[in-house]
């Protein structure tokens, strides 16, 4: 969020969250800005001065923010204010527009935890299998070197190089 009070207030209004005040640690991701808001001329991508977030997946019943200096459109007061409000079929969940947001349902959260734990177990199994393959390969090489030594098919220089390779693989 910008440090300039006026621009920060514009950003806060664009979010359309009741009584939200940005703190120094508040962040907003780049998905909420149009491409023209970014300055890509240098190596670093920066927001242009005066850029205000405008891309949100917001419910239709929330009013659009009004830029400073613009007036609110007049509503027709002759309509009956007691008419029932039409219910909407789907209400977007808060945070559903970001893949890194936690699910709101405890069941969804447990499901996500279960998938993560299964992934951890799978990776641990792959690691264990890779270490076993490496250990078996090291044993095969060691037996081949012993066989070559037994048949006197190995000279001192080659023996030294092979021993060095075997010692390195032990420390990995």
N, C-alpha and C. Protein backbone atom coordinates (compact mmCIF):
# COMPACT_ATOMS: atom_id res chain seq x y z
N UNK A 1 0.85 -1.18 0.00
CA UNK A 1 0.00 0.00 0.00
C UNK A 1 0.89 1.23 0.00
N UNK A 2 0.47 2.26 -0.72
CA UNK A 2 1.30 3.46 -0.80
C UNK A 2 1.37 4.19 0.54
N UNK A 3 2.43 4.99 0.71
CA UNK A 3 2.59 5.76 1.94
C UNK A 3 1.81 7.07 1.87
N UNK A 4 1.56 7.57 0.66
CA UNK A 4 0.80 8.81 0.49
C UNK A 4 -0.64 8.57 0.95
N UNK A 5 -1.12 9.42 1.88
CA UNK A 5 -2.45 9.22 2.49
C UNK A 5 -3.57 9.21 1.45
N UNK A 6 -3.54 10.15 0.50
CA UNK A 6 -4.63 10.24 -0.48
C UNK A 6 -4.69 8.99 -1.35
N UNK A 7 -3.54 8.56 -1.83
CA UNK A 7 -3.51 7.37 -2.71
C UNK A 7 -3.88 6.13 -1.91
N UNK A 8 -3.40 6.03 -0.65
CA UNK A 8 -3.74 4.87 0.18
C UNK A 8 -5.25 4.81 0.42
N UNK A 9 -5.87 5.97 0.64
CA UNK A 9 -7.32 6.01 0.84
C UNK A 9 -8.05 5.57 -0.43
N UNK A 10 -7.51 5.93 -1.61
CA UNK A 10 -8.12 5.48 -2.87
C UNK A 10 -8.03 3.95 -2.97
N UNK A 11 -6.88 3.40 -2.59
CA UNK A 11 -6.71 1.95 -2.62
C UNK A 11 -7.69 1.28 -1.66
N UNK A 12 -7.79 1.81 -0.45
CA UNK A 12 -8.70 1.24 0.55
C UNK A 12 -10.14 1.29 0.06
N UNK A 13 -10.53 2.40 -0.60
CA UNK A 13 -11.89 2.52 -1.12
C UNK A 13 -12.11 1.53 -2.26
N UNK A 14 -11.08 1.30 -3.08
CA UNK A 14 -11.22 0.37 -4.20
C UNK A 14 -11.43 -1.07 -3.72
N UNK A 15 -10.92 -1.40 -2.54
CA UNK A 15 -11.08 -2.75 -2.00
C UNK A 15 -12.52 -3.03 -1.58
N UNK A 16 -13.27 -2.00 -1.26
CA UNK A 16 -14.68 -2.11 -0.85
C UNK A 16 -14.85 -3.06 0.34
N UNK A 17 -14.00 -2.89 1.34
CA UNK A 17 -14.12 -3.66 2.57
C UNK A 17 -14.48 -2.69 3.69
N UNK A 18 -15.53 -2.99 4.41
CA UNK A 18 -16.00 -2.11 5.48
C UNK A 18 -14.92 -1.92 6.54
N UNK A 19 -14.71 -0.69 6.92
CA UNK A 19 -13.78 -0.26 7.98
C UNK A 19 -12.39 -0.89 7.84
N UNK A 20 -11.91 -1.06 6.62
CA UNK A 20 -10.56 -1.58 6.40
C UNK A 20 -9.60 -0.41 6.38
N UNK A 21 -8.53 -0.53 7.14
CA UNK A 21 -7.46 0.46 7.13
C UNK A 21 -6.16 -0.28 6.90
N UNK A 22 -5.41 0.15 5.92
CA UNK A 22 -4.15 -0.52 5.58
C UNK A 22 -3.12 -0.24 6.67
N UNK A 23 -2.38 -1.27 7.02
CA UNK A 23 -1.28 -1.13 7.97
C UNK A 23 0.03 -1.13 7.18
N UNK A 24 1.14 -0.80 7.81
CA UNK A 24 2.42 -0.83 7.07
C UNK A 24 2.75 -2.20 6.50
N UNK A 25 2.19 -3.27 7.07
CA UNK A 25 2.48 -4.61 6.56
C UNK A 25 1.41 -5.11 5.58
N UNK A 26 0.41 -4.30 5.28
CA UNK A 26 -0.64 -4.71 4.34
C UNK A 26 -0.07 -4.82 2.93
N UNK A 27 -0.49 -5.85 2.21
CA UNK A 27 -0.01 -6.09 0.85
C UNK A 27 -1.21 -6.33 -0.07
N UNK A 28 -1.00 -6.09 -1.36
CA UNK A 28 -2.02 -6.35 -2.37
C UNK A 28 -1.29 -6.93 -3.57
N UNK A 29 -1.77 -8.03 -4.11
CA UNK A 29 -1.03 -8.68 -5.19
C UNK A 29 -1.27 -7.99 -6.53
N UNK A 30 -0.37 -8.27 -7.46
CA UNK A 30 -0.39 -7.60 -8.76
C UNK A 30 -1.58 -7.99 -9.62
N UNK A 31 -2.30 -9.05 -9.25
CA UNK A 31 -3.45 -9.50 -10.04
C UNK A 31 -4.58 -8.48 -10.02
N UNK A 32 -4.53 -7.52 -9.10
CA UNK A 32 -5.60 -6.55 -8.96
C UNK A 32 -5.35 -5.26 -9.75
N UNK A 33 -4.31 -5.24 -10.57
CA UNK A 33 -3.98 -4.06 -11.36
C UNK A 33 -4.03 -4.40 -12.84
N UNK A 34 -4.40 -3.42 -13.66
CA UNK A 34 -4.39 -3.63 -15.11
C UNK A 34 -2.96 -3.48 -15.61
N UNK A 35 -2.68 -4.01 -16.79
CA UNK A 35 -1.33 -4.00 -17.33
C UNK A 35 -0.77 -2.59 -17.49
N UNK A 36 -1.63 -1.63 -17.79
CA UNK A 36 -1.17 -0.26 -17.99
C UNK A 36 -0.69 0.38 -16.69
N UNK A 37 -1.01 -0.21 -15.55
CA UNK A 37 -0.57 0.33 -14.25
C UNK A 37 0.89 0.01 -13.97
N UNK A 38 1.51 -0.87 -14.75
CA UNK A 38 2.88 -1.29 -14.48
C UNK A 38 3.87 -0.57 -15.37
N UNK A 39 5.02 -0.22 -14.78
CA UNK A 39 6.13 0.39 -15.51
C UNK A 39 7.16 -0.71 -15.71
N UNK A 40 7.32 -1.17 -16.94
CA UNK A 40 8.24 -2.27 -17.23
C UNK A 40 9.44 -1.81 -18.03
N UNK A 41 9.80 -0.54 -17.94
CA UNK A 41 10.88 -0.02 -18.76
C UNK A 41 12.25 -0.48 -18.28
N UNK A 42 12.45 -0.66 -16.99
CA UNK A 42 13.74 -1.09 -16.46
C UNK A 42 13.74 -2.58 -16.18
N UNK A 43 14.74 -3.01 -15.41
CA UNK A 43 14.81 -4.42 -15.04
C UNK A 43 13.76 -4.76 -13.99
N UNK A 44 13.39 -3.76 -13.18
CA UNK A 44 12.42 -3.98 -12.11
C UNK A 44 11.04 -3.51 -12.57
N UNK A 45 10.04 -4.33 -12.34
CA UNK A 45 8.66 -3.96 -12.67
C UNK A 45 8.10 -3.18 -11.50
N UNK A 46 7.58 -1.98 -11.77
CA UNK A 46 7.04 -1.13 -10.71
C UNK A 46 5.65 -0.65 -11.10
N UNK A 47 4.88 -0.27 -10.07
CA UNK A 47 3.59 0.35 -10.32
C UNK A 47 3.81 1.80 -10.70
N UNK A 48 3.03 2.29 -11.63
CA UNK A 48 3.11 3.70 -12.00
C UNK A 48 2.50 4.55 -10.89
N UNK A 49 2.92 5.80 -10.83
CA UNK A 49 2.39 6.73 -9.84
C UNK A 49 0.89 6.92 -10.08
N UNK A 50 0.13 6.88 -9.04
CA UNK A 50 -1.31 7.08 -9.15
C UNK A 50 -2.09 5.84 -9.55
N UNK A 51 -1.43 4.69 -9.67
CA UNK A 51 -2.14 3.46 -10.03
C UNK A 51 -3.01 3.03 -8.86
N UNK A 52 -4.24 2.65 -9.18
CA UNK A 52 -5.19 2.21 -8.16
C UNK A 52 -5.69 0.83 -8.55
N UNK A 53 -5.75 -0.12 -7.61
CA UNK A 53 -6.23 -1.47 -7.95
C UNK A 53 -7.67 -1.41 -8.47
N UNK A 54 -7.92 -2.15 -9.54
CA UNK A 54 -9.26 -2.08 -10.14
C UNK A 54 -9.82 -3.44 -10.54
N UNK A 55 -9.03 -4.49 -10.47
CA UNK A 55 -9.51 -5.81 -10.87
C UNK A 55 -9.82 -6.64 -9.63
N UNK A 56 -11.11 -6.86 -9.38
CA UNK A 56 -11.54 -7.63 -8.22
C UNK A 56 -12.68 -8.55 -8.63
N UNK A 57 -12.74 -9.68 -7.99
CA UNK A 57 -13.85 -10.61 -8.17
C UNK A 57 -14.82 -10.34 -7.02
N UNK A 58 -15.57 -9.24 -7.13
CA UNK A 58 -16.43 -8.79 -6.04
C UNK A 58 -17.88 -9.15 -6.29
N UNK A 59 -18.63 -9.33 -5.21
CA UNK A 59 -20.06 -9.59 -5.36
C UNK A 59 -20.76 -8.40 -6.01
N UNK A 60 -21.79 -8.67 -6.77
CA UNK A 60 -22.48 -7.63 -7.53
C UNK A 60 -23.24 -6.66 -6.62
N UNK A 61 -23.58 -7.08 -5.40
CA UNK A 61 -24.39 -6.20 -4.55
C UNK A 61 -23.57 -5.07 -3.91
N UNK A 62 -22.23 -5.14 -3.99
CA UNK A 62 -21.42 -4.06 -3.43
C UNK A 62 -21.34 -2.91 -4.42
N UNK A 63 -21.41 -1.66 -3.93
CA UNK A 63 -21.34 -0.52 -4.85
C UNK A 63 -19.93 -0.33 -5.38
N UNK A 64 -19.83 0.18 -6.60
CA UNK A 64 -18.53 0.48 -7.19
C UNK A 64 -17.95 1.70 -6.48
N UNK A 65 -16.63 1.74 -6.24
CA UNK A 65 -16.05 2.91 -5.59
C UNK A 65 -16.13 4.12 -6.52
N UNK A 66 -16.29 5.29 -5.91
CA UNK A 66 -16.40 6.52 -6.68
C UNK A 66 -15.10 7.27 -6.53
N UNK A 67 -14.50 7.67 -7.64
CA UNK A 67 -13.25 8.41 -7.61
C UNK A 67 -13.50 9.80 -7.02
N UNK A 68 -12.44 10.38 -6.46
CA UNK A 68 -12.57 11.69 -5.84
C UNK A 68 -13.04 12.71 -6.88
N UNK A 69 -13.98 13.54 -6.51
CA UNK A 69 -14.48 14.58 -7.42
C UNK A 69 -15.70 14.15 -8.21
N UNK A 70 -15.98 12.84 -8.25
CA UNK A 70 -17.16 12.38 -8.97
C UNK A 70 -18.33 12.31 -8.00
N UNK A 71 -19.52 12.49 -8.52
CA UNK A 71 -20.69 12.43 -7.64
C UNK A 71 -21.34 11.06 -7.78
N UNK A 72 -22.03 10.65 -6.72
CA UNK A 72 -22.76 9.39 -6.73
C UNK A 72 -23.96 9.51 -7.66
N UNK A 73 -24.29 8.49 -8.44
CA UNK A 73 -25.49 8.55 -9.27
C UNK A 73 -26.73 8.60 -8.37
N UNK A 74 -27.72 9.34 -8.81
CA UNK A 74 -28.95 9.49 -8.04
C UNK A 74 -29.76 8.21 -8.15
N UNK A 75 -30.27 7.74 -7.02
CA UNK A 75 -31.12 6.56 -7.04
C UNK A 75 -32.57 7.00 -7.09
N UNK A 76 -33.39 6.20 -7.70
CA UNK A 76 -34.80 6.53 -7.85
C UNK A 76 -35.51 6.19 -6.54
N UNK A 77 -35.92 7.22 -5.81
CA UNK A 77 -36.55 7.02 -4.52
C UNK A 77 -38.03 6.68 -4.63
N UNK A 78 -38.58 6.76 -5.83
CA UNK A 78 -40.00 6.46 -6.00
C UNK A 78 -40.28 4.95 -5.94
N UNK A 79 -39.22 4.13 -6.07
CA UNK A 79 -39.40 2.69 -5.98
C UNK A 79 -39.72 2.32 -4.54
N UNK A 80 -40.47 1.26 -4.38
CA UNK A 80 -40.85 0.81 -3.06
C UNK A 80 -39.64 0.17 -2.36
N UNK A 81 -39.16 0.75 -1.25
CA UNK A 81 -37.98 0.21 -0.59
C UNK A 81 -38.26 -1.09 0.14
N UNK A 82 -39.51 -1.47 0.26
CA UNK A 82 -39.87 -2.68 1.01
C UNK A 82 -40.00 -3.90 0.12
N UNK A 83 -39.65 -3.78 -1.15
CA UNK A 83 -39.74 -4.93 -2.04
C UNK A 83 -38.69 -5.96 -1.62
N UNK A 84 -39.03 -7.24 -1.74
CA UNK A 84 -38.06 -8.26 -1.33
C UNK A 84 -36.85 -8.25 -2.27
N UNK A 85 -35.72 -8.49 -1.69
CA UNK A 85 -34.48 -8.54 -2.46
C UNK A 85 -34.38 -9.92 -3.10
N UNK A 86 -33.98 -9.93 -4.37
CA UNK A 86 -33.83 -11.21 -5.06
C UNK A 86 -32.58 -11.90 -4.51
N UNK A 87 -32.75 -13.17 -4.19
CA UNK A 87 -31.61 -13.92 -3.67
C UNK A 87 -30.73 -14.34 -4.84
N UNK A 88 -29.44 -14.31 -4.56
CA UNK A 88 -28.49 -14.71 -5.58
C UNK A 88 -28.18 -16.19 -5.45
N UNK A 89 -27.94 -16.83 -6.59
CA UNK A 89 -27.69 -18.26 -6.59
C UNK A 89 -26.34 -18.60 -5.97
N UNK A 90 -25.33 -17.86 -6.34
CA UNK A 90 -24.00 -18.18 -5.83
C UNK A 90 -23.36 -16.94 -5.25
N UNK A 91 -22.75 -17.14 -4.11
CA UNK A 91 -22.02 -16.07 -3.45
C UNK A 91 -20.56 -16.46 -3.47
N UNK A 92 -19.71 -15.65 -4.09
CA UNK A 92 -18.30 -16.03 -4.12
C UNK A 92 -17.71 -16.02 -2.72
N UNK A 93 -16.90 -17.03 -2.44
CA UNK A 93 -16.28 -17.12 -1.13
C UNK A 93 -15.17 -16.09 -1.03
N UNK A 94 -15.00 -15.50 0.17
CA UNK A 94 -13.91 -14.56 0.32
C UNK A 94 -12.58 -15.28 0.16
N UNK A 95 -11.67 -14.68 -0.55
CA UNK A 95 -10.36 -15.27 -0.76
C UNK A 95 -10.33 -16.29 -1.87
N UNK A 96 -11.44 -16.53 -2.55
CA UNK A 96 -11.45 -17.56 -3.60
C UNK A 96 -10.73 -17.09 -4.86
N UNK A 97 -10.42 -15.80 -4.95
CA UNK A 97 -9.76 -15.30 -6.15
C UNK A 97 -8.25 -15.49 -6.09
N UNK A 98 -7.71 -16.06 -5.01
CA UNK A 98 -6.28 -16.33 -4.90
C UNK A 98 -6.07 -17.80 -4.57
N UNK A 99 -5.16 -18.43 -5.29
CA UNK A 99 -4.92 -19.85 -5.08
C UNK A 99 -4.23 -20.13 -3.75
N UNK A 100 -3.57 -19.14 -3.17
CA UNK A 100 -2.85 -19.36 -1.93
C UNK A 100 -3.71 -19.10 -0.70
N UNK A 101 -4.94 -18.66 -0.86
CA UNK A 101 -5.83 -18.39 0.27
C UNK A 101 -6.31 -19.71 0.87
N UNK A 102 -6.42 -19.74 2.20
CA UNK A 102 -6.89 -20.95 2.87
C UNK A 102 -8.38 -21.14 2.63
N UNK A 103 -8.83 -22.37 2.51
CA UNK A 103 -10.26 -22.62 2.36
C UNK A 103 -11.01 -22.20 3.62
N UNK A 104 -12.25 -21.78 3.45
CA UNK A 104 -13.04 -21.33 4.59
C UNK A 104 -13.68 -22.50 5.33
N UNK A 105 -13.88 -23.61 4.66
CA UNK A 105 -14.52 -24.77 5.28
C UNK A 105 -13.47 -25.63 5.99
N UNK A 106 -13.74 -26.07 7.22
CA UNK A 106 -12.79 -26.95 7.91
C UNK A 106 -12.58 -28.27 7.16
N UNK A 107 -13.64 -28.78 6.52
CA UNK A 107 -13.50 -30.03 5.75
C UNK A 107 -12.55 -29.84 4.59
N UNK A 108 -12.65 -28.70 3.89
CA UNK A 108 -11.74 -28.42 2.79
C UNK A 108 -10.31 -28.29 3.30
N UNK A 109 -10.17 -27.67 4.47
CA UNK A 109 -8.84 -27.50 5.06
C UNK A 109 -8.24 -28.85 5.43
N UNK A 110 -9.06 -29.75 6.02
CA UNK A 110 -8.58 -31.09 6.35
C UNK A 110 -8.20 -31.86 5.09
N UNK A 111 -9.00 -31.71 4.05
CA UNK A 111 -8.71 -32.38 2.78
C UNK A 111 -7.38 -31.90 2.22
N UNK A 112 -7.16 -30.59 2.28
CA UNK A 112 -5.91 -30.01 1.78
C UNK A 112 -4.72 -30.49 2.61
N UNK A 113 -4.91 -30.59 3.94
CA UNK A 113 -3.86 -31.09 4.81
C UNK A 113 -3.55 -32.56 4.48
N UNK A 114 -4.59 -33.35 4.26
CA UNK A 114 -4.39 -34.75 3.91
C UNK A 114 -3.60 -34.92 2.62
N UNK A 115 -3.91 -34.10 1.63
CA UNK A 115 -3.17 -34.16 0.36
C UNK A 115 -1.71 -33.77 0.57
N UNK A 116 -1.48 -32.76 1.40
CA UNK A 116 -0.11 -32.32 1.66
C UNK A 116 0.68 -33.40 2.39
N UNK A 117 0.04 -34.05 3.36
CA UNK A 117 0.71 -35.12 4.10
C UNK A 117 1.01 -36.31 3.19
N UNK A 118 0.09 -36.63 2.29
CA UNK A 118 0.32 -37.72 1.34
C UNK A 118 1.50 -37.38 0.42
N UNK A 119 1.60 -36.12 0.03
CA UNK A 119 2.71 -35.68 -0.82
C UNK A 119 4.04 -35.80 -0.06
N UNK A 120 4.04 -35.42 1.22
CA UNK A 120 5.25 -35.54 2.04
C UNK A 120 5.68 -37.00 2.13
N UNK A 121 4.72 -37.90 2.41
CA UNK A 121 5.04 -39.33 2.50
C UNK A 121 5.59 -39.86 1.17
N UNK A 122 5.00 -39.42 0.08
CA UNK A 122 5.46 -39.86 -1.24
C UNK A 122 6.89 -39.39 -1.50
N UNK A 123 7.18 -38.15 -1.16
CA UNK A 123 8.54 -37.62 -1.36
C UNK A 123 9.55 -38.32 -0.45
N UNK A 124 9.16 -38.61 0.78
CA UNK A 124 10.05 -39.35 1.68
C UNK A 124 10.34 -40.74 1.14
N UNK A 125 9.31 -41.40 0.58
CA UNK A 125 9.48 -42.73 -0.01
C UNK A 125 10.43 -42.65 -1.22
N UNK A 126 10.26 -41.62 -2.07
CA UNK A 126 11.15 -41.45 -3.22
C UNK A 126 12.59 -41.23 -2.77
N UNK A 127 12.77 -40.43 -1.72
CA UNK A 127 14.12 -40.17 -1.19
C UNK A 127 14.75 -41.45 -0.68
N UNK A 128 13.99 -42.23 0.09
CA UNK A 128 14.49 -43.49 0.64
C UNK A 128 14.86 -44.45 -0.49
N UNK A 129 14.03 -44.53 -1.53
CA UNK A 129 14.32 -45.41 -2.67
C UNK A 129 15.57 -44.95 -3.41
N UNK A 130 15.75 -43.65 -3.57
CA UNK A 130 16.93 -43.13 -4.26
C UNK A 130 18.20 -43.46 -3.48
N UNK A 131 18.13 -43.34 -2.14
CA UNK A 131 19.29 -43.68 -1.32
C UNK A 131 19.62 -45.16 -1.42
N UNK A 132 18.60 -46.01 -1.46
CA UNK A 132 18.81 -47.45 -1.61
C UNK A 132 19.44 -47.77 -2.97
N UNK A 133 18.96 -47.12 -4.04
CA UNK A 133 19.55 -47.34 -5.37
C UNK A 133 21.03 -46.93 -5.36
N UNK A 134 21.32 -45.80 -4.72
CA UNK A 134 22.71 -45.32 -4.66
C UNK A 134 23.58 -46.31 -3.87
N UNK A 135 23.06 -46.82 -2.75
CA UNK A 135 23.81 -47.78 -1.93
C UNK A 135 24.09 -49.06 -2.72
N UNK A 136 23.08 -49.55 -3.46
CA UNK A 136 23.27 -50.76 -4.27
C UNK A 136 24.31 -50.53 -5.37
N UNK A 137 24.26 -49.36 -6.02
CA UNK A 137 25.23 -49.06 -7.08
C UNK A 137 26.65 -48.98 -6.50
N UNK A 138 26.78 -48.38 -5.31
CA UNK A 138 28.09 -48.28 -4.66
C UNK A 138 28.63 -49.68 -4.34
N UNK A 139 27.77 -50.58 -3.87
CA UNK A 139 28.20 -51.95 -3.56
C UNK A 139 28.63 -52.69 -4.82
N UNK A 140 27.91 -52.50 -5.92
CA UNK A 140 28.27 -53.15 -7.18
C UNK A 140 29.64 -52.66 -7.64
N UNK A 141 29.88 -51.35 -7.55
CA UNK A 141 31.17 -50.79 -7.97
C UNK A 141 32.29 -51.34 -7.08
N UNK A 142 32.03 -51.39 -5.76
CA UNK A 142 33.04 -51.90 -4.83
C UNK A 142 33.39 -53.36 -5.17
N UNK A 143 32.39 -54.18 -5.47
CA UNK A 143 32.64 -55.59 -5.82
C UNK A 143 33.41 -55.71 -7.13
N UNK A 144 33.09 -54.83 -8.10
CA UNK A 144 33.82 -54.85 -9.37
C UNK A 144 35.29 -54.49 -9.15
N UNK A 145 35.54 -53.49 -8.32
CA UNK A 145 36.92 -53.08 -8.04
C UNK A 145 37.67 -54.23 -7.35
N UNK A 146 37.03 -54.89 -6.38
CA UNK A 146 37.67 -56.03 -5.70
C UNK A 146 37.96 -57.16 -6.69
N UNK A 147 37.04 -57.40 -7.62
CA UNK A 147 37.22 -58.44 -8.63
C UNK A 147 38.40 -58.10 -9.55
N UNK A 148 38.48 -56.82 -9.95
CA UNK A 148 39.60 -56.40 -10.80
C UNK A 148 40.92 -56.51 -10.05
N UNK A 149 40.92 -56.18 -8.76
CA UNK A 149 42.14 -56.31 -7.95
C UNK A 149 42.54 -57.78 -7.86
N UNK A 150 41.56 -58.64 -7.65
CA UNK A 150 41.85 -60.07 -7.52
C UNK A 150 42.43 -60.66 -8.79
N UNK A 151 42.07 -60.14 -9.94
CA UNK A 151 42.57 -60.65 -11.22
C UNK A 151 43.78 -59.87 -11.69
N UNK A 152 44.27 -58.94 -10.88
CA UNK A 152 45.43 -58.09 -11.22
C UNK A 152 45.22 -57.35 -12.54
N UNK A 153 44.00 -56.90 -12.78
CA UNK A 153 43.70 -56.14 -14.00
C UNK A 153 43.65 -54.63 -13.71
N UNK A 154 44.12 -54.25 -12.57
CA UNK A 154 44.02 -52.84 -12.19
C UNK A 154 45.42 -52.35 -11.82
N UNK A 155 45.80 -51.17 -12.34
CA UNK A 155 47.11 -50.62 -12.00
C UNK A 155 46.95 -49.65 -10.82
N UNK A 156 48.03 -49.18 -10.29
CA UNK A 156 48.03 -48.35 -9.07
C UNK A 156 47.27 -47.04 -9.28
N UNK A 157 47.47 -46.41 -10.45
CA UNK A 157 46.81 -45.12 -10.72
C UNK A 157 45.30 -45.29 -10.79
N UNK A 158 44.83 -46.32 -11.50
CA UNK A 158 43.39 -46.57 -11.61
C UNK A 158 42.80 -46.94 -10.25
N UNK A 159 43.55 -47.73 -9.47
CA UNK A 159 43.09 -48.11 -8.14
C UNK A 159 42.91 -46.87 -7.27
N UNK A 160 43.87 -45.95 -7.35
CA UNK A 160 43.80 -44.73 -6.55
C UNK A 160 42.57 -43.89 -6.95
N UNK A 161 42.32 -43.77 -8.25
CA UNK A 161 41.16 -42.99 -8.73
C UNK A 161 39.84 -43.63 -8.30
N UNK A 162 39.74 -44.95 -8.42
CA UNK A 162 38.51 -45.64 -8.03
C UNK A 162 38.27 -45.54 -6.52
N UNK A 163 39.34 -45.68 -5.73
CA UNK A 163 39.19 -45.54 -4.27
C UNK A 163 38.73 -44.13 -3.91
N UNK A 164 39.26 -43.15 -4.62
CA UNK A 164 38.86 -41.76 -4.37
C UNK A 164 37.38 -41.57 -4.68
N UNK A 165 36.91 -42.14 -5.80
CA UNK A 165 35.49 -42.03 -6.17
C UNK A 165 34.60 -42.73 -5.15
N UNK A 166 35.03 -43.91 -4.70
CA UNK A 166 34.23 -44.64 -3.71
C UNK A 166 34.17 -43.87 -2.38
N UNK A 167 35.29 -43.26 -1.99
CA UNK A 167 35.29 -42.47 -0.75
C UNK A 167 34.37 -41.27 -0.86
N UNK A 168 34.35 -40.61 -2.02
CA UNK A 168 33.47 -39.45 -2.23
C UNK A 168 32.01 -39.87 -2.15
N UNK A 169 31.68 -41.02 -2.74
CA UNK A 169 30.28 -41.45 -2.74
C UNK A 169 29.82 -41.86 -1.35
N UNK A 170 30.74 -42.28 -0.48
CA UNK A 170 30.36 -42.62 0.90
C UNK A 170 29.92 -41.38 1.66
N UNK A 171 30.56 -40.25 1.37
CA UNK A 171 30.29 -39.02 2.12
C UNK A 171 29.08 -38.26 1.59
N UNK A 172 28.49 -38.70 0.50
CA UNK A 172 27.33 -37.99 -0.05
C UNK A 172 26.06 -38.40 0.64
